[in-house]
Amino acid sequence: NDIAPIIAANCAQPGCHGSDNPEKFNLLSYPELFKLVTPNKPHQSKLYDVIRLYDGGVMPPAPNSPLTDAQIGQIYVWILQGATEN
């Protein structure tokens, strides 16, 4: 309920990880997003690594605003709690 809006607003957009030429992976659906998550293990999850340690800068890239610490914290907790679809 909390994570989907963060991903939709910041990541799953055309030209990034949306429907038009998704870069590397598509984040429009839970099954696609779940491929990047190791439930209960945020530090072993590609999604968490990318939003925290992206080697090309911050995610999402400019001109978008980067995710806030609160949003990153929400994603961390969601993964820690099992990354369920509810």
PDB file of N, CA and C in Angstrom:
ATOM      1  N   ASN A   1       0.812  -1.204   0.000  1.00  0.00           N
ATOM      2  CA  ASN A   1       0.000   0.000   0.000  1.00  0.00           C
ATOM      3  C   ASN A   1       0.853   1.265   0.000  1.00  0.00           C
ATOM      4  N   ASP A   2       1.998   1.194   0.621  1.00  0.00           N
ATOM      5  CA  ASP A   2       2.864   2.370   0.709  1.00  0.00           C
ATOM      6  C   ASP A   2       3.966   2.374  -0.340  1.00  0.00           C
ATOM      7  N   ILE A   3       4.440   1.208  -0.705  1.00  0.00           N
ATOM      8  CA  ILE A   3       5.595   1.110  -1.592  1.00  0.00           C
ATOM      9  C   ILE A   3       5.213   1.318  -3.051  1.00  0.00           C
ATOM     10  N   ALA A   4       4.107   0.764  -3.483  1.00  0.00           N
ATOM     11  CA  ALA A   4       3.687   0.897  -4.883  1.00  0.00           C
ATOM     12  C   ALA A   4       3.608   2.357  -5.334  1.00  0.00           C
ATOM     13  N   PRO A   5       3.028   3.257  -4.528  1.00  0.00           N
ATOM     14  CA  PRO A   5       3.002   4.657  -4.960  1.00  0.00           C
ATOM     15  C   PRO A   5       4.399   5.291  -5.078  1.00  0.00           C
ATOM     16  N   ILE A   6       5.311   4.898  -4.223  1.00  0.00           N
ATOM     17  CA  ILE A   6       6.685   5.424  -4.307  1.00  0.00           C
ATOM     18  C   ILE A   6       7.328   4.963  -5.610  1.00  0.00           C
ATOM     19  N   ILE A   7       7.206   3.686  -5.911  1.00  0.00           N
ATOM     20  CA  ILE A   7       7.798   3.132  -7.129  1.00  0.00           C
ATOM     21  C   ILE A   7       7.134   3.741  -8.362  1.00  0.00           C
ATOM     22  N   ALA A   8       5.812   3.834  -8.347  1.00  0.00           N
ATOM     23  CA  ALA A   8       5.080   4.370  -9.503  1.00  0.00           C
ATOM     24  C   ALA A   8       5.460   5.820  -9.779  1.00  0.00           C
ATOM     25  N   ALA A   9       5.592   6.612  -8.738  1.00  0.00           N
ATOM     26  CA  ALA A   9       5.862   8.042  -8.913  1.00  0.00           C
ATOM     27  C   ALA A   9       7.319   8.344  -9.244  1.00  0.00           C
ATOM     28  N   ASN A  10       8.222   7.466  -8.852  1.00  0.00           N
ATOM     29  CA  ASN A  10       9.640   7.779  -8.986  1.00  0.00           C
ATOM     30  C   ASN A  10      10.429   6.879  -9.926  1.00  0.00           C
ATOM     31  N   CYS A  11       9.925   5.688 -10.192  1.00  0.00           N
ATOM     32  CA  CYS A  11      10.719   4.712 -10.942  1.00  0.00           C
ATOM     33  C   CYS A  11      10.030   4.169 -12.194  1.00  0.00           C
ATOM     34  N   ALA A  12       8.774   3.814 -12.069  1.00  0.00           N
ATOM     35  CA  ALA A  12       8.044   3.146 -13.156  1.00  0.00           C
ATOM     36  C   ALA A  12       7.437   4.164 -14.114  1.00  0.00           C
ATOM     37  N   GLN A  13       8.278   4.973 -14.698  1.00  0.00           N
ATOM     38  CA  GLN A  13       7.840   6.016 -15.618  1.00  0.00           C
ATOM     39  C   GLN A  13       8.376   5.719 -17.013  1.00  0.00           C
ATOM     40  N   PRO A  14       7.710   6.212 -18.046  1.00  0.00           N
ATOM     41  CA  PRO A  14       8.229   6.020 -19.405  1.00  0.00           C
ATOM     42  C   PRO A  14       9.664   6.540 -19.518  1.00  0.00           C
ATOM     43  N   GLY A  15      10.494   5.756 -20.165  1.00  0.00           N
ATOM     44  CA  GLY A  15      11.888   6.145 -20.338  1.00  0.00           C
ATOM     45  C   GLY A  15      12.792   5.679 -19.221  1.00  0.00           C
ATOM     46  N   CYS A  16      12.221   5.235 -18.131  1.00  0.00           N
ATOM     47  CA  CYS A  16      13.024   4.712 -17.009  1.00  0.00           C
ATOM     48  C   CYS A  16      12.716   3.224 -16.857  1.00  0.00           C
ATOM     49  N   HIS A  17      11.883   2.896 -15.887  1.00  0.00           N
ATOM     50  CA  HIS A  17      11.529   1.507 -15.631  1.00  0.00           C
ATOM     51  C   HIS A  17      10.033   1.300 -15.824  1.00  0.00           C
ATOM     52  N   GLY A  18       9.481   1.979 -16.823  1.00  0.00           N
ATOM     53  CA  GLY A  18       8.065   1.880 -17.143  1.00  0.00           C
ATOM     54  C   GLY A  18       7.844   1.089 -18.410  1.00  0.00           C
ATOM     55  N   SER A  19       6.766   1.386 -19.089  1.00  0.00           N
ATOM     56  CA  SER A  19       6.365   0.583 -20.249  1.00  0.00           C
ATOM     57  C   SER A  19       7.129   0.911 -21.526  1.00  0.00           C
ATOM     58  N   ASP A  20       7.596   2.134 -21.695  1.00  0.00           N
ATOM     59  CA  ASP A  20       8.303   2.518 -22.913  1.00  0.00           C
ATOM     60  C   ASP A  20       9.804   2.344 -22.740  1.00  0.00           C
ATOM     61  N   ASN A  21      10.344   1.306 -23.371  1.00  0.00           N
ATOM     62  CA  ASN A  21      11.778   1.029 -23.301  1.00  0.00           C
ATOM     63  C   ASN A  21      12.310   0.990 -21.870  1.00  0.00           C
ATOM     64  N   PRO A  22      11.824   0.066 -21.054  1.00  0.00           N
ATOM     65  CA  PRO A  22      12.306   0.011 -19.670  1.00  0.00           C
ATOM     66  C   PRO A  22      13.808  -0.250 -19.623  1.00  0.00           C
ATOM     67  N   GLU A  23      14.486   0.518 -18.821  1.00  0.00           N
ATOM     68  CA  GLU A  23      15.936   0.379 -18.686  1.00  0.00           C
ATOM     69  C   GLU A  23      16.251  -0.780 -17.752  1.00  0.00           C
ATOM     70  N   LYS A  24      16.792  -1.848 -18.297  1.00  0.00           N
ATOM     71  CA  LYS A  24      17.218  -3.042 -17.561  1.00  0.00           C
ATOM     72  C   LYS A  24      16.066  -3.859 -16.980  1.00  0.00           C
ATOM     73  N   PHE A  25      15.099  -3.242 -16.349  1.00  0.00           N
ATOM     74  CA  PHE A  25      13.980  -3.975 -15.762  1.00  0.00           C
ATOM     75  C   PHE A  25      12.756  -3.084 -15.686  1.00  0.00           C
ATOM     76  N   ASN A  26      11.612  -3.740 -15.665  1.00  0.00           N
ATOM     77  CA  ASN A  26      10.329  -3.058 -15.653  1.00  0.00           C
ATOM     78  C   ASN A  26       9.765  -3.093 -14.230  1.00  0.00           C
ATOM     79  N   LEU A  27       9.307  -1.985 -13.730  1.00  0.00           N
ATOM     80  CA  LEU A  27       8.776  -1.925 -12.366  1.00  0.00           C
ATOM     81  C   LEU A  27       7.280  -1.624 -12.331  1.00  0.00           C
ATOM     82  N   LEU A  28       6.580  -2.004 -13.377  1.00  0.00           N
ATOM     83  CA  LEU A  28       5.149  -1.710 -13.443  1.00  0.00           C
ATOM     84  C   LEU A  28       4.282  -2.726 -12.713  1.00  0.00           C
ATOM     85  N   SER A  29       4.831  -3.868 -12.345  1.00  0.00           N
ATOM     86  CA  SER A  29       4.018  -4.880 -11.676  1.00  0.00           C
ATOM     87  C   SER A  29       4.766  -5.447 -10.476  1.00  0.00           C
ATOM     88  N   TYR A  30       3.996  -5.985  -9.549  1.00  0.00           N
ATOM     89  CA  TYR A  30       4.598  -6.598  -8.369  1.00  0.00           C
ATOM     90  C   TYR A  30       5.530  -7.755  -8.747  1.00  0.00           C
ATOM     91  N   PRO A  31       5.130  -8.667  -9.660  1.00  0.00           N
ATOM     92  CA  PRO A  31       6.049  -9.758 -10.007  1.00  0.00           C
ATOM     93  C   PRO A  31       7.398  -9.260 -10.549  1.00  0.00           C
ATOM     94  N   GLU A  32       7.373  -8.201 -11.339  1.00  0.00           N
ATOM     95  CA  GLU A  32       8.628  -7.654 -11.863  1.00  0.00           C
ATOM     96  C   GLU A  32       9.453  -7.009 -10.744  1.00  0.00           C
ATOM     97  N   LEU A  33       8.798  -6.274  -9.878  1.00  0.00           N
ATOM     98  CA  LEU A  33       9.477  -5.646  -8.748  1.00  0.00           C
ATOM     99  C   LEU A  33      10.055  -6.704  -7.810  1.00  0.00           C
ATOM    100  N   PHE A  34       9.293  -7.763  -7.595  1.00  0.00           N
ATOM    101  CA  PHE A  34       9.710  -8.812  -6.662  1.00  0.00           C
ATOM    102  C   PHE A  34      10.972  -9.533  -7.126  1.00  0.00           C
ATOM    103  N   LYS A  35      11.248  -9.526  -8.419  1.00  0.00           N
ATOM    104  CA  LYS A  35      12.477 -10.133  -8.943  1.00  0.00           C
ATOM    105  C   LYS A  35      13.723  -9.425  -8.401  1.00  0.00           C
ATOM    106  N   LEU A  36      13.556  -8.198  -7.933  1.00  0.00           N
ATOM    107  CA  LEU A  36      14.678  -7.402  -7.438  1.00  0.00           C
ATOM    108  C   LEU A  36      14.793  -7.415  -5.921  1.00  0.00           C
ATOM    109  N   VAL A  37      14.002  -8.268  -5.266  1.00  0.00           N
ATOM    110  CA  VAL A  37      13.924  -8.268  -3.811  1.00  0.00           C
ATOM    111  C   VAL A  37      14.236  -9.653  -3.252  1.00  0.00           C
ATOM    112  N   THR A  38      15.003  -9.677  -2.183  1.00  0.00           N
ATOM    113  CA  THR A  38      15.191 -10.888  -1.392  1.00  0.00           C
ATOM    114  C   THR A  38      14.409 -10.660  -0.108  1.00  0.00           C
ATOM    115  N   PRO A  39      13.235 -11.297   0.023  1.00  0.00           N
ATOM    116  CA  PRO A  39      12.385 -11.041   1.186  1.00  0.00           C
ATOM    117  C   PRO A  39      13.150 -11.181   2.504  1.00  0.00           C
ATOM    118  N   ASN A  40      12.893 -10.251   3.397  1.00  0.00           N
ATOM    119  CA  ASN A  40      13.480 -10.209   4.736  1.00  0.00           C
ATOM    120  C   ASN A  40      14.960  -9.846   4.746  1.00  0.00           C
ATOM    121  N   LYS A  41      15.534  -9.534   3.572  1.00  0.00           N
ATOM    122  CA  LYS A  41      16.968  -9.242   3.497  1.00  0.00           C
ATOM    123  C   LYS A  41      17.218  -8.017   2.619  1.00  0.00           C
ATOM    124  N   PRO A  42      16.969  -6.836   3.147  1.00  0.00           N
ATOM    125  CA  PRO A  42      17.148  -5.630   2.341  1.00  0.00           C
ATOM    126  C   PRO A  42      18.549  -5.486   1.756  1.00  0.00           C
ATOM    127  N   HIS A  43      19.562  -5.829   2.527  1.00  0.00           N
ATOM    128  CA  HIS A  43      20.936  -5.630   2.065  1.00  0.00           C
ATOM    129  C   HIS A  43      21.356  -6.652   1.009  1.00  0.00           C
ATOM    130  N   GLN A  44      20.523  -7.649   0.778  1.00  0.00           N
ATOM    131  CA  GLN A  44      20.773  -8.622  -0.288  1.00  0.00           C
ATOM    132  C   GLN A  44      19.803  -8.414  -1.448  1.00  0.00           C
ATOM    133  N   SER A  45      19.073  -7.328  -1.428  1.00  0.00           N
ATOM    134  CA  SER A  45      18.070  -7.024  -2.446  1.00  0.00           C
ATOM    135  C   SER A  45      18.596  -6.004  -3.442  1.00  0.00           C
ATOM    136  N   LYS A  46      18.498  -6.338  -4.714  1.00  0.00           N
ATOM    137  CA  LYS A  46      18.951  -5.438  -5.778  1.00  0.00           C
ATOM    138  C   LYS A  46      18.237  -4.092  -5.692  1.00  0.00           C
ATOM    139  N   LEU A  47      16.942  -4.106  -5.418  1.00  0.00           N
ATOM    140  CA  LEU A  47      16.175  -2.854  -5.333  1.00  0.00           C
ATOM    141  C   LEU A  47      16.777  -1.928  -4.287  1.00  0.00           C
ATOM    142  N   TYR A  48      17.036  -2.439  -3.110  1.00  0.00           N
ATOM    143  CA  TYR A  48      17.585  -1.604  -2.038  1.00  0.00           C
ATOM    144  C   TYR A  48      18.999  -1.131  -2.383  1.00  0.00           C
ATOM    145  N   ASP A  49      19.801  -2.018  -2.942  1.00  0.00           N
ATOM    146  CA  ASP A  49      21.158  -1.622  -3.333  1.00  0.00           C
ATOM    147  C   ASP A  49      21.138  -0.488  -4.345  1.00  0.00           C
ATOM    148  N   VAL A  50      20.252  -0.587  -5.324  1.00  0.00           N
ATOM    149  CA  VAL A  50      20.207   0.426  -6.374  1.00  0.00           C
ATOM    150  C   VAL A  50      19.778   1.787  -5.825  1.00  0.00           C
ATOM    151  N   ILE A  51      18.790   1.809  -4.959  1.00  0.00           N
ATOM    152  CA  ILE A  51      18.331   3.114  -4.458  1.00  0.00           C
ATOM    153  C   ILE A  51      19.296   3.715  -3.449  1.00  0.00           C
ATOM    154  N   ARG A  52      20.138   2.898  -2.844  1.00  0.00           N
ATOM    155  CA  ARG A  52      21.102   3.416  -1.865  1.00  0.00           C
ATOM    156  C   ARG A  52      22.502   3.619  -2.431  1.00  0.00           C
ATOM    157  N   LEU A  53      22.922   2.732  -3.323  1.00  0.00           N
ATOM    158  CA  LEU A  53      24.331   2.705  -3.722  1.00  0.00           C
ATOM    159  C   LEU A  53      24.518   2.751  -5.232  1.00  0.00           C
ATOM    160  N   TYR A  54      23.607   3.344  -5.948  1.00  0.00           N
ATOM    161  CA  TYR A  54      23.682   3.375  -7.403  1.00  0.00           C
ATOM    162  C   TYR A  54      24.992   3.995  -7.847  1.00  0.00           C
ATOM    163  N   ASP A  55      25.751   3.264  -8.665  1.00  0.00           N
ATOM    164  CA  ASP A  55      27.081   3.746  -9.054  1.00  0.00           C
ATOM    165  C   ASP A  55      27.065   4.856 -10.093  1.00  0.00           C
ATOM    166  N   GLY A  56      25.911   5.140 -10.664  1.00  0.00           N
ATOM    167  CA  GLY A  56      25.821   6.211 -11.637  1.00  0.00           C
ATOM    168  C   GLY A  56      25.292   7.503 -11.044  1.00  0.00           C
ATOM    169  N   GLY A  57      25.136   7.571  -9.752  1.00  0.00           N
ATOM    170  CA  GLY A  57      24.580   8.748  -9.093  1.00  0.00           C
ATOM    171  C   GLY A  57      23.408   8.359  -8.218  1.00  0.00           C
ATOM    172  N   VAL A  58      22.384   9.181  -8.210  1.00  0.00           N
ATOM    173  CA  VAL A  58      21.220   8.906  -7.367  1.00  0.00           C
ATOM    174  C   VAL A  58      20.078   8.367  -8.216  1.00  0.00           C
ATOM    175  N   MET A  59      19.193   7.664  -7.554  1.00  0.00           N
ATOM    176  CA  MET A  59      17.986   7.166  -8.197  1.00  0.00           C
ATOM    177  C   MET A  59      16.791   7.812  -7.526  1.00  0.00           C
ATOM    178  N   PRO A  60      15.870   8.284  -8.289  1.00  0.00           N
ATOM    179  CA  PRO A  60      15.911   8.400  -9.746  1.00  0.00           C
ATOM    180  C   PRO A  60      16.835   9.534 -10.168  1.00  0.00           C
ATOM    181  N   PRO A  61      17.331   9.461 -11.401  1.00  0.00           N
ATOM    182  CA  PRO A  61      18.244  10.504 -11.874  1.00  0.00           C
ATOM    183  C   PRO A  61      17.520  11.816 -12.150  1.00  0.00           C
ATOM    184  N   ALA A  62      18.289  12.881 -12.243  1.00  0.00           N
ATOM    185  CA  ALA A  62      17.736  14.197 -12.581  1.00  0.00           C
ATOM    186  C   ALA A  62      17.051  14.115 -13.933  1.00  0.00           C
ATOM    187  N   PRO A  63      16.039  14.868 -14.153  1.00  0.00           N
ATOM    188  CA  PRO A  63      15.565  16.008 -13.393  1.00  0.00           C
ATOM    189  C   PRO A  63      14.629  15.642 -12.247  1.00  0.00           C
ATOM    190  N   ASN A  64      14.393  14.335 -12.029  1.00  0.00           N
ATOM    191  CA  ASN A  64      13.547  13.915 -10.911  1.00  0.00           C
ATOM    192  C   ASN A  64      14.268  14.121  -9.590  1.00  0.00           C
ATOM    193  N   SER A  65      13.504  14.310  -8.553  1.00  0.00           N
ATOM    194  CA  SER A  65      14.083  14.424  -7.217  1.00  0.00           C
ATOM    195  C   SER A  65      14.477  13.038  -6.724  1.00  0.00           C
ATOM    196  N   PRO A  66      15.602  12.939  -6.018  1.00  0.00           N
ATOM    197  CA  PRO A  66      15.970  11.627  -5.466  1.00  0.00           C
ATOM    198  C   PRO A  66      14.969  11.196  -4.401  1.00  0.00           C
ATOM    199  N   LEU A  67      14.926   9.909  -4.139  1.00  0.00           N
ATOM    200  CA  LEU A  67      14.069   9.417  -3.074  1.00  0.00           C
ATOM    201  C   LEU A  67      14.515  10.029  -1.747  1.00  0.00           C
ATOM    202  N   THR A  68      13.559  10.293  -0.889  1.00  0.00           N
ATOM    203  CA  THR A  68      13.885  10.846   0.428  1.00  0.00           C
ATOM    204  C   THR A  68      14.371   9.719   1.335  1.00  0.00           C
ATOM    205  N   ASP A  69      15.010  10.099   2.420  1.00  0.00           N
ATOM    206  CA  ASP A  69      15.427   9.101   3.403  1.00  0.00           C
ATOM    207  C   ASP A  69      14.221   8.350   3.948  1.00  0.00           C
ATOM    208  N   ALA A  70      13.102   9.037   4.113  1.00  0.00           N
ATOM    209  CA  ALA A  70      11.879   8.390   4.608  1.00  0.00           C
ATOM    210  C   ALA A  70      11.386   7.345   3.606  1.00  0.00           C
ATOM    211  N   GLN A  71      11.395   7.670   2.319  1.00  0.00           N
ATOM    212  CA  GLN A  71      10.955   6.716   1.301  1.00  0.00           C
ATOM    213  C   GLN A  71      11.886   5.500   1.251  1.00  0.00           C
ATOM    214  N   ILE A  72      13.174   5.743   1.320  1.00  0.00           N
ATOM    215  CA  ILE A  72      14.145   4.647   1.323  1.00  0.00           C
ATOM    216  C   ILE A  72      13.938   3.790   2.568  1.00  0.00           C
ATOM    217  N   GLY A  73      13.662   4.424   3.693  1.00  0.00           N
ATOM    218  CA  GLY A  73      13.380   3.692   4.928  1.00  0.00           C
ATOM    219  C   GLY A  73      12.135   2.832   4.804  1.00  0.00           C
ATOM    220  N   GLN A  74      11.108   3.344   4.150  1.00  0.00           N
ATOM    221  CA  GLN A  74       9.887   2.567   3.942  1.00  0.00           C
ATOM    222  C   GLN A  74      10.169   1.330   3.093  1.00  0.00           C
ATOM    223  N   ILE A  75      10.954   1.495   2.055  1.00  0.00           N
ATOM    224  CA  ILE A  75      11.298   0.362   1.199  1.00  0.00           C
ATOM    225  C   ILE A  75      12.119  -0.655   1.987  1.00  0.00           C
ATOM    226  N   TYR A  76      13.045  -0.187   2.791  1.00  0.00           N
ATOM    227  CA  TYR A  76      13.852  -1.069   3.638  1.00  0.00           C
ATOM    228  C   TYR A  76      12.960  -1.902   4.549  1.00  0.00           C
ATOM    229  N   VAL A  77      12.045  -1.255   5.237  1.00  0.00           N
ATOM    230  CA  VAL A  77      11.153  -1.950   6.177  1.00  0.00           C
ATOM    231  C   VAL A  77      10.250  -2.935   5.432  1.00  0.00           C
ATOM    232  N   TRP A  78       9.742  -2.526   4.277  1.00  0.00           N
ATOM    233  CA  TRP A  78       8.891  -3.404   3.473  1.00  0.00           C
ATOM    234  C   TRP A  78       9.635  -4.686   3.110  1.00  0.00           C
ATOM    235  N   ILE A  79      10.878  -4.558   2.664  1.00  0.00           N
ATOM    236  CA  ILE A  79      11.672  -5.744   2.331  1.00  0.00           C
ATOM    237  C   ILE A  79      11.934  -6.556   3.592  1.00  0.00           C
ATOM    238  N   LEU A  80      12.314  -5.903   4.676  1.00  0.00           N
ATOM    239  CA  LEU A  80      12.594  -6.562   5.933  1.00  0.00           C
ATOM    240  C   LEU A  80      11.390  -7.364   6.423  1.00  0.00           C
ATOM    241  N   GLN A  81      10.201  -6.862   6.162  1.00  0.00           N
ATOM    242  CA  GLN A  81       8.968  -7.535   6.594  1.00  0.00           C
ATOM    243  C   GLN A  81       8.487  -8.591   5.598  1.00  0.00           C
ATOM    244  N   GLY A  82       9.235  -8.832   4.535  1.00  0.00           N
ATOM    245  CA  GLY A  82       8.895  -9.899   3.607  1.00  0.00           C
ATOM    246  C   GLY A  82       8.486  -9.453   2.225  1.00  0.00           C
ATOM    247  N   ALA A  83       8.402  -8.146   1.988  1.00  0.00           N
ATOM    248  CA  ALA A  83       8.077  -7.597   0.667  1.00  0.00           C
ATOM    249  C   ALA A  83       6.772  -8.165   0.120  1.00  0.00           C
ATOM    250  N   THR A  84       5.757  -8.193   0.943  1.00  0.00           N
ATOM    251  CA  THR A  84       4.482  -8.774   0.521  1.00  0.00           C
ATOM    252  C   THR A  84       3.705  -7.839  -0.395  1.00  0.00           C
ATOM    253  N   GLU A  85       2.844  -8.438  -1.191  1.00  0.00           N
ATOM    254  CA  GLU A  85       1.933  -7.688  -2.049  1.00  0.00           C
ATOM    255  C   GLU A  85       0.595  -7.658  -1.329  1.00  0.00           C
ATOM    256  N   ASN A  86       0.195  -6.472  -0.890  1.00  0.00           N
ATOM    257  CA  ASN A  86      -1.088  -6.390  -0.180  1.00  0.00           C
ATOM    258  C   ASN A  86      -1.887  -5.202  -0.638  1.00  0.00           C
TER     259      ASN A  86
END
